Protein backbone atom coordinates (compact mmCIF):
# COMPACT_ATOMS: atom_id res chain seq x y z
CA MET A 1 -24.64 33.21 1.74
CA ALA A 2 -21.71 32.43 -0.60
CA GLU A 3 -20.96 28.81 -1.30
CA ALA A 4 -17.56 27.25 -0.62
CA GLN A 5 -16.27 25.67 -3.84
CA ILE A 6 -14.77 22.67 -2.05
CA ASN A 7 -13.70 19.44 -3.76
CA PRO A 8 -16.38 16.81 -2.94
CA ALA A 9 -13.76 14.05 -3.13
CA ILE A 10 -11.87 15.75 -0.29
CA LEU A 11 -15.07 15.91 1.78
CA THR A 12 -15.54 12.15 1.38
CA TRP A 13 -11.88 11.56 2.24
CA ALA A 14 -12.17 13.79 5.33
CA LEU A 15 -15.22 11.88 6.58
CA GLN A 16 -13.57 8.50 6.05
CA ARG A 17 -10.37 9.71 7.69
CA SER A 18 -12.22 10.91 10.78
CA GLY A 19 -14.39 7.80 11.02
CA ILE A 20 -17.76 9.59 10.77
CA ASP A 21 -20.50 9.33 8.17
CA ALA A 22 -22.90 11.75 6.51
CA LEU A 23 -25.54 11.21 9.20
CA VAL A 24 -23.18 12.09 12.05
CA LEU A 25 -21.84 15.15 10.22
CA ALA A 26 -25.37 16.32 9.43
CA ASP A 27 -26.32 16.03 13.11
CA LYS A 28 -23.29 18.08 14.17
CA LEU A 29 -24.07 20.74 11.56
CA GLY A 30 -27.80 20.80 12.30
CA THR A 31 -28.75 19.94 8.73
CA ALA A 32 -30.22 17.01 6.80
CA ALA A 33 -28.13 13.94 5.93
CA SER A 34 -29.41 14.22 2.34
CA ARG A 35 -27.80 17.65 2.11
CA VAL A 36 -24.42 16.28 3.19
CA GLU A 37 -24.81 13.47 0.66
CA SER A 38 -25.47 16.06 -2.04
CA TRP A 39 -22.22 17.82 -1.09
CA GLU A 40 -20.34 14.53 -1.43
CA ALA A 41 -21.94 13.94 -4.82
CA GLY A 42 -20.94 17.44 -5.97
CA GLU A 43 -24.58 18.38 -6.61
CA ARG A 44 -24.56 21.19 -4.05
CA LYS A 45 -21.97 23.13 -2.03
CA PRO A 46 -21.84 24.00 1.69
CA THR A 47 -21.57 27.63 2.77
CA PHE A 48 -18.19 28.96 3.93
CA ARG A 49 -19.38 28.79 7.52
CA GLN A 50 -20.45 25.17 7.09
CA ALA A 51 -17.19 24.25 5.32
CA LYS A 52 -15.10 25.74 8.13
CA ARG A 53 -17.19 23.86 10.67
CA ILE A 54 -16.66 20.63 8.69
CA ALA A 55 -12.90 21.25 8.86
CA GLU A 56 -13.14 21.62 12.66
CA ILE A 57 -15.26 18.49 13.07
CA THR A 58 -13.04 16.31 10.88
CA HIS A 59 -9.77 17.85 12.15
CA VAL A 60 -8.64 18.63 8.60
CA PRO A 61 -6.99 21.96 7.64
CA PHE A 62 -9.57 24.09 5.82
CA GLY A 63 -7.28 24.60 2.82
CA TYR A 64 -7.22 20.85 2.16
CA PHE A 65 -10.83 21.02 0.90
CA TYR A 66 -9.62 22.92 -2.17
CA LEU A 67 -6.93 20.42 -3.17
CA PRO A 68 -7.42 18.58 -6.50
CA GLU A 69 -7.06 15.20 -4.75
CA PRO A 70 -6.66 13.86 -1.19
CA PRO A 71 -3.14 14.30 0.22
CA THR A 72 -0.91 11.32 0.91
CA GLU A 73 -0.35 11.01 4.65
CA ALA A 74 2.48 8.55 4.95
CA LEU A 75 3.41 7.60 8.51
CA PRO A 76 7.19 7.82 9.10
CA ILE A 77 7.06 4.76 11.39
CA ALA A 78 5.81 1.21 10.77
CA ASP A 79 2.21 0.27 11.56
CA PHE A 80 2.24 -3.00 13.51
CA ARG A 81 -1.43 -2.85 14.53
CA THR A 82 -3.61 -5.86 13.87
CA VAL A 83 -7.24 -6.93 14.35
CA GLY A 84 -7.17 -10.69 13.82
CA ASP A 85 -6.83 -11.37 10.11
CA ASP A 86 -8.72 -8.21 9.12
CA PRO A 87 -7.01 -5.06 7.82
CA VAL A 88 -6.83 -2.26 10.38
CA ARG A 89 -8.58 1.05 9.85
CA PRO A 90 -6.49 4.05 8.81
CA LEU A 91 -5.02 5.95 11.74
CA SER A 92 -7.40 8.61 13.03
CA PRO A 93 -6.87 12.39 13.16
CA ASP A 94 -6.57 12.05 16.94
CA PHE A 95 -3.62 9.68 16.56
CA ARG A 96 -1.99 11.80 13.85
CA ASP A 97 -2.30 14.97 15.91
CA ILE A 98 -0.81 13.36 19.03
CA PHE A 99 1.92 11.75 16.91
CA ASN A 100 2.84 15.06 15.25
CA ASP A 101 2.96 16.76 18.66
CA VAL A 102 5.25 14.05 20.04
CA MET A 103 7.52 14.26 16.99
CA ARG A 104 7.81 18.04 17.40
CA LYS A 105 8.99 17.51 20.97
CA GLN A 106 11.27 14.64 19.97
CA GLY A 107 12.90 16.81 17.31
CA TRP A 108 13.60 19.56 19.86
CA PHE A 109 15.09 17.08 22.34
CA ARG A 110 17.26 15.50 19.65
CA GLU A 111 18.76 18.89 18.83
CA TYR A 112 19.15 19.62 22.56
CA ARG A 113 21.17 16.43 23.13
CA GLN A 114 23.36 17.06 20.11
CA GLN A 115 24.04 20.63 21.24
CA HIS A 116 25.23 19.16 24.54
CA PHE A 117 27.54 16.77 22.63
CA GLU A 118 25.76 13.68 23.92
CA GLU A 119 26.73 10.34 22.39
CA PRO A 120 24.13 8.15 20.65
CA LEU A 121 22.54 5.67 23.05
CA PRO A 122 24.31 2.29 22.72
CA PHE A 123 21.26 0.05 23.23
CA ILE A 124 19.23 1.34 20.26
CA GLY A 125 19.29 -1.54 17.74
CA ARG A 126 21.60 -3.65 19.90
CA PHE A 127 19.63 -6.80 18.96
CA ASN A 128 17.82 -7.99 15.84
CA GLY A 129 14.88 -10.16 14.81
CA ARG A 130 16.93 -13.36 15.21
CA SER A 131 17.79 -12.60 18.85
CA ALA A 132 16.28 -14.55 21.74
CA ALA A 133 13.61 -12.78 23.80
CA ALA A 134 15.32 -13.86 27.03
CA ASP A 135 18.60 -12.22 25.96
CA ILE A 136 16.86 -8.95 25.10
CA ALA A 137 14.91 -9.00 28.38
CA THR A 138 18.09 -9.60 30.38
CA ASP A 139 19.87 -6.71 28.65
CA ILE A 140 16.93 -4.37 29.25
CA GLY A 141 16.94 -5.27 32.95
CA ARG A 142 20.69 -4.74 33.17
CA THR A 143 20.49 -1.36 31.42
CA LEU A 144 17.60 -0.12 33.58
CA ARG A 145 19.06 -1.62 36.77
CA ILE A 146 15.67 -3.23 37.55
CA THR A 147 15.45 -6.41 39.61
CA GLY A 148 12.70 -8.65 40.90
CA GLN A 149 13.23 -7.13 44.32
CA ASP A 150 12.55 -3.64 42.92
CA ARG A 151 9.25 -4.97 41.62
CA ALA A 152 8.40 -6.60 44.95
CA ASN A 153 9.15 -3.37 46.82
CA CYS A 154 6.49 -1.47 44.82
CA ALA A 155 3.10 -1.26 46.52
CA GLY A 156 1.12 -1.62 43.30
CA TRP A 157 0.92 -1.20 39.55
CA GLU A 158 1.09 2.62 39.55
CA GLU A 159 4.22 2.69 41.70
CA TYR A 160 5.91 0.04 39.54
CA LEU A 161 4.97 1.95 36.37
CA ARG A 162 6.47 5.14 37.82
CA LEU A 163 9.65 3.28 38.77
CA LEU A 164 10.02 1.77 35.30
CA ILE A 165 9.45 5.13 33.61
CA ALA A 166 11.98 6.84 35.90
CA ARG A 167 14.66 4.22 35.15
CA ILE A 168 13.91 4.34 31.42
CA GLU A 169 14.22 8.13 31.36
CA ASP A 170 17.45 7.85 33.39
CA ALA A 171 18.74 5.73 30.49
CA GLY A 172 17.94 8.58 28.06
CA VAL A 173 14.58 7.52 26.61
CA LEU A 174 11.71 10.02 26.52
CA VAL A 175 8.52 8.50 27.95
CA MET A 176 5.25 10.34 27.36
CA ARG A 177 1.73 9.22 28.19
CA SER A 178 -1.64 10.82 27.71
CA GLY A 179 -5.22 9.79 27.18
CA ILE A 180 -6.25 12.88 25.21
CA VAL A 181 -5.02 15.02 22.32
CA GLY A 182 -3.11 17.96 23.81
CA ASN A 183 -5.21 19.49 26.59
CA ASN A 184 -8.52 18.74 24.85
CA THR A 185 -10.60 16.44 27.06
CA HIS A 186 -13.16 16.20 24.24
CA ARG A 187 -10.64 14.29 22.11
CA PRO A 188 -9.90 11.07 24.03
CA LEU A 189 -7.49 8.56 22.52
CA SER A 190 -8.82 5.11 21.64
CA VAL A 191 -7.20 2.04 23.18
CA ASP A 192 -8.82 -0.05 20.44
CA GLU A 193 -6.89 2.00 17.87
CA PHE A 194 -3.46 1.90 19.53
CA ARG A 195 -1.82 1.26 22.89
CA GLY A 196 1.49 2.95 22.20
CA PHE A 197 4.13 3.88 19.69
CA VAL A 198 7.89 4.18 19.67
CA VAL A 199 10.54 6.12 17.74
CA ALA A 200 13.90 4.34 17.72
CA ASP A 201 16.17 7.37 17.32
CA PRO A 202 19.72 6.87 18.69
CA TYR A 203 19.85 10.40 20.15
CA ALA A 204 16.25 10.98 21.22
CA PRO A 205 14.23 7.76 21.39
CA VAL A 206 10.67 8.18 22.57
CA VAL A 207 7.99 5.85 23.88
CA PHE A 208 4.39 7.07 23.96
CA LEU A 209 1.76 5.27 26.04
CA ASN A 210 -1.98 5.62 25.56
CA GLY A 211 -3.02 6.90 28.98
CA LYS A 212 -6.57 5.63 28.47
CA ASP A 213 -5.29 2.10 29.01
CA ALA A 214 -5.27 0.45 32.44
CA LYS A 215 -2.05 0.93 34.44
CA ALA A 216 -1.26 -2.79 34.38
CA ALA A 217 -1.70 -2.82 30.61
CA GLN A 218 0.51 0.27 30.25
CA ILE A 219 3.31 -1.61 32.02
CA PHE A 220 3.25 -4.34 29.38
CA THR A 221 3.05 -1.80 26.53
CA LEU A 222 5.96 0.15 28.02
CA ILE A 223 8.29 -2.86 27.96
CA HIS A 224 6.92 -4.00 24.59
CA GLU A 225 7.83 -0.62 23.09
CA LEU A 226 11.19 -0.69 24.88
CA ALA A 227 11.92 -3.99 23.13
CA HIS A 228 11.28 -2.16 19.84
CA LEU A 229 14.10 0.23 20.78
CA TRP A 230 16.49 -2.65 21.50
CA LEU A 231 15.63 -3.95 18.02
CA GLY A 232 15.94 -0.49 16.46
CA GLU A 233 12.38 -0.71 15.09
CA SER A 234 10.04 2.31 15.24
CA GLY A 235 6.31 1.61 15.06
CA VAL A 236 2.77 1.93 16.41
CA SER A 237 1.29 -1.04 18.26
CA ASN A 238 -1.95 -2.39 19.69
CA GLU A 239 -0.64 -5.71 20.98
CA ARG A 240 -3.43 -8.30 21.29
CA ILE A 241 -2.22 -10.96 23.70
CA GLY A 242 -5.77 -12.23 24.24
CA THR A 243 -6.02 -13.84 20.81
CA ALA A 244 -5.11 -17.47 20.09
CA GLN A 245 -2.77 -16.50 17.26
CA GLN A 246 -0.50 -13.52 17.81
CA HIS A 247 -0.51 -11.49 14.61
CA GLY A 248 1.63 -8.54 13.56
CA GLY A 249 4.69 -10.31 12.22
CA ASP A 250 7.97 -11.43 13.74
CA VAL A 251 8.83 -8.05 15.29
CA GLU A 252 5.62 -7.84 17.33
CA ARG A 253 5.82 -11.45 18.47
CA LEU A 254 9.42 -10.95 19.60
CA CYS A 255 8.56 -7.73 21.42
CA ASN A 256 5.63 -9.45 23.15
CA ALA A 257 7.85 -12.36 24.15
CA THR A 258 10.52 -9.98 25.45
CA ALA A 259 8.02 -8.01 27.52
CA ALA A 260 6.55 -11.23 28.93
CA GLU A 261 9.97 -12.57 29.93
CA PHE A 262 11.07 -9.24 31.45
CA LEU A 263 7.90 -8.77 33.47
CA VAL A 264 7.04 -12.41 34.22
CA PRO A 265 10.26 -14.48 34.02
CA ALA A 266 9.50 -18.04 32.97
CA ALA A 267 11.70 -19.67 35.62
CA GLU A 268 10.10 -17.73 38.48
CA PHE A 269 6.63 -18.25 37.07
CA ARG A 270 7.04 -22.04 36.80
CA ALA A 271 8.49 -22.25 40.30
CA ARG A 272 5.52 -20.43 41.83
CA TRP A 273 2.62 -21.89 39.80
CA ASN A 274 0.48 -24.39 41.72
CA ASN A 275 -1.94 -26.56 39.73
CA ARG A 276 -3.94 -27.31 42.88
CA ILE A 277 -5.12 -23.68 43.04
CA GLY A 278 -7.94 -22.47 40.77
CA PHE A 279 -6.92 -20.69 37.57
CA VAL A 280 -8.65 -17.35 38.23
CA ALA A 281 -7.56 -17.12 41.86
CA GLN A 282 -3.97 -17.85 40.94
CA VAL A 283 -4.00 -15.40 38.04
CA ARG A 284 -5.25 -12.66 40.37
CA GLU A 285 -2.51 -13.45 42.90
CA PHE A 286 0.22 -13.50 40.24
CA ALA A 287 -1.02 -10.26 38.70
CA ARG A 288 -0.50 -8.52 42.06
CA MET A 289 2.86 -10.25 42.54
CA PHE A 290 4.32 -9.44 39.12
CA LYS A 291 2.55 -6.04 38.76
CA VAL A 292 1.03 -6.88 35.37
CA SER A 293 -2.53 -7.49 34.16
CA GLY A 294 -4.30 -10.77 34.77
CA VAL A 295 -4.42 -11.25 31.00
CA VAL A 296 -0.61 -11.19 30.80
CA VAL A 297 -0.43 -13.76 33.60
CA GLY A 298 -3.09 -15.98 32.03
CA ARG A 299 -1.44 -15.86 28.62
CA ARG A 300 1.92 -16.67 30.22
CA ALA A 301 0.41 -19.74 31.89
CA VAL A 302 -0.89 -20.96 28.53
CA GLU A 303 2.43 -20.30 26.75
CA LEU A 304 4.33 -22.24 29.42
CA ARG A 305 1.80 -25.12 29.15
CA LEU A 306 0.66 -24.68 32.74
CA ALA A 307 -3.01 -24.00 31.90
CA PRO A 308 -5.42 -24.79 29.02
CA TRP A 309 -6.46 -22.19 26.45
CA ASP A 310 -10.20 -22.43 27.19
CA GLU A 311 -9.73 -21.33 30.82
CA PHE A 312 -7.74 -18.32 29.70
CA ALA A 313 -10.22 -17.46 26.92
CA ALA A 314 -13.13 -17.36 29.39
CA PHE A 315 -11.09 -15.23 31.79
CA TYR A 316 -10.10 -12.86 28.97
CA ARG A 317 -13.72 -12.28 27.91
CA ALA A 318 -14.67 -11.32 31.48
CA GLU A 319 -11.65 -9.02 31.77
CA ARG A 320 -12.55 -7.15 28.57
CA GLU A 321 -15.99 -6.35 29.97
CA ALA A 322 -14.42 -5.09 33.21
CA TRP A 323 -11.95 -2.92 31.27
CA ALA A 324 -14.76 -1.30 29.27
CA ALA A 325 -16.64 -0.44 32.47
CA ALA A 326 -13.50 0.96 34.12
CA ALA A 327 -12.61 3.07 31.07
CA ALA A 328 -16.06 4.65 31.11
CA ARG A 329 -15.46 5.79 34.72
CA GLN A 330 -11.95 7.13 34.07
CA SER A 331 -11.35 10.78 34.94
CA SER A 332 -8.94 13.22 33.27
CA GLY A 333 -8.73 15.53 36.27
CA GLY A 334 -5.92 16.09 38.79
CA ASN A 335 -3.03 18.48 39.31
CA PRO A 336 -2.45 20.17 35.92
CA TYR A 337 1.31 20.50 36.51
CA LYS A 338 1.75 16.84 37.43
CA THR A 339 -0.39 15.96 34.43
CA SER A 340 1.84 18.08 32.18
CA ALA A 341 4.97 16.32 33.45
CA VAL A 342 3.38 12.93 32.74
CA ARG A 343 2.26 13.92 29.24
CA ASN A 344 5.65 15.30 28.29
CA GLY A 345 7.84 13.11 30.48
CA LYS A 346 10.13 14.53 33.15
CA LEU A 347 13.21 14.16 30.96
CA LEU A 348 11.85 16.53 28.30
CA THR A 349 10.16 18.82 30.83
CA LYS A 350 13.38 19.41 32.78
CA ALA A 351 15.40 19.98 29.59
CA VAL A 352 12.92 22.59 28.33
CA LEU A 353 12.65 24.34 31.71
CA GLU A 354 16.44 24.42 32.10
CA THR A 355 16.88 25.90 28.61
CA ALA A 356 14.16 28.51 29.15
CA PHE A 357 15.31 29.65 32.60
CA GLU A 358 18.88 29.97 31.38
CA GLY A 359 17.64 32.41 28.73
CA ARG A 360 18.45 30.16 25.77
CA MET A 361 14.79 29.77 24.81
CA LEU A 362 11.84 32.16 24.91
CA LEU A 363 9.36 31.41 27.68
CA ARG A 364 6.66 31.60 25.02
CA ASP A 365 8.34 28.83 23.02
CA ALA A 366 8.91 26.71 26.14
CA GLY A 367 5.26 27.05 27.09
CA SER A 368 4.16 26.14 23.58
CA LEU A 369 6.35 23.02 23.54
CA LEU A 370 5.09 21.82 26.92
CA GLY A 371 1.47 22.90 26.45
CA VAL A 372 1.62 25.23 29.47
CA ALA A 373 0.99 28.98 29.69
CA PRO A 374 4.38 30.80 29.92
CA ALA A 375 3.29 32.44 33.18
CA ASN A 376 2.87 28.99 34.74
CA LEU A 377 6.30 27.57 33.88
CA ARG A 378 7.70 28.30 37.35
CA LYS A 379 4.75 26.55 38.97
CA LEU A 380 5.44 23.59 36.70
CA ALA A 381 9.10 23.64 37.75
CA SER A 382 8.13 23.68 41.44
CA SER A 383 5.89 20.68 40.89
CA VAL A 384 8.47 18.68 38.93
CA TYR A 385 11.49 19.39 41.12
CA GLY A 386 9.46 19.36 44.34
CA GLU A 387 8.75 15.64 43.90
CA GLU A 388 12.44 14.74 44.06
């Protein structure tokens, strides 16, 4: 069988980019690791069939393997991710594919708003890095019309998350969340890689949440990313509030502080905290009360000098183990139309459906944008509008 005259440097780049090594690739191809290593060294060449399969496995366009050198894949938003003091790994193909899909949808919605002569949203970039977290948090609450009583009225984390998303979309911000790339359940997103990202566009801002994260953690990420919008700063985040030193620069620290103050106001927290109650028991109670994770509550107690670091550190280690076990049990099933509305956000979904049903957009194009078969768009509409 004819050999594919691929560039071995591109093969090495593709493997590094996808986070797999020669042994893993060999196993997927049903060949020896030494053969893959010989391809990387340029001593031998894979067949066309093998090269195409490599492109599928590494999620790299087949034509890239014939380029003279690896392409530059600059991210159009800032990378605020951190792992302690160590450099973070390059963003994976899964992230890049979900990011490109979100940007395609964001671009459509931006044009849609401009065609409807909508004004730019006034809160994008309203504050800057020298602003106080409490001032930003107060302005976010005022804009979303969210109060402590709204939080108390919610039965749990999922209901509070839905309320926050609804109010944020009412303000004009697209909110999308998914735990997989497109509709492919074999390509789950990694919480260790990123928890969310945000695009601070004045006409079509978008917040994306990693749906693989716990609901309580998604709430914190949602407000963290919203703070990015108020600062006018686009970026991808994996906020690490369980570490002693918060890394990521001034922007991330300010966004974390804003999210903490919005979700767990310092004054209310201090008034309710009781040193006579055990740390873990009180953290659990406050997590239910404020509709955030126990880690956010524990960190808040440390920041406000109401509890020692070592108690929080022990609690955080136990929580990480519980998260890992819960993530392994997580299911991607459910109503496909409700899932579609969550992945795309109701704001975008309604705009696309409205445009398509008014004949200003082909049903084929609407289905492609929303990831739904054109024949099922009316079922999607019934699901979305039937919940109101």
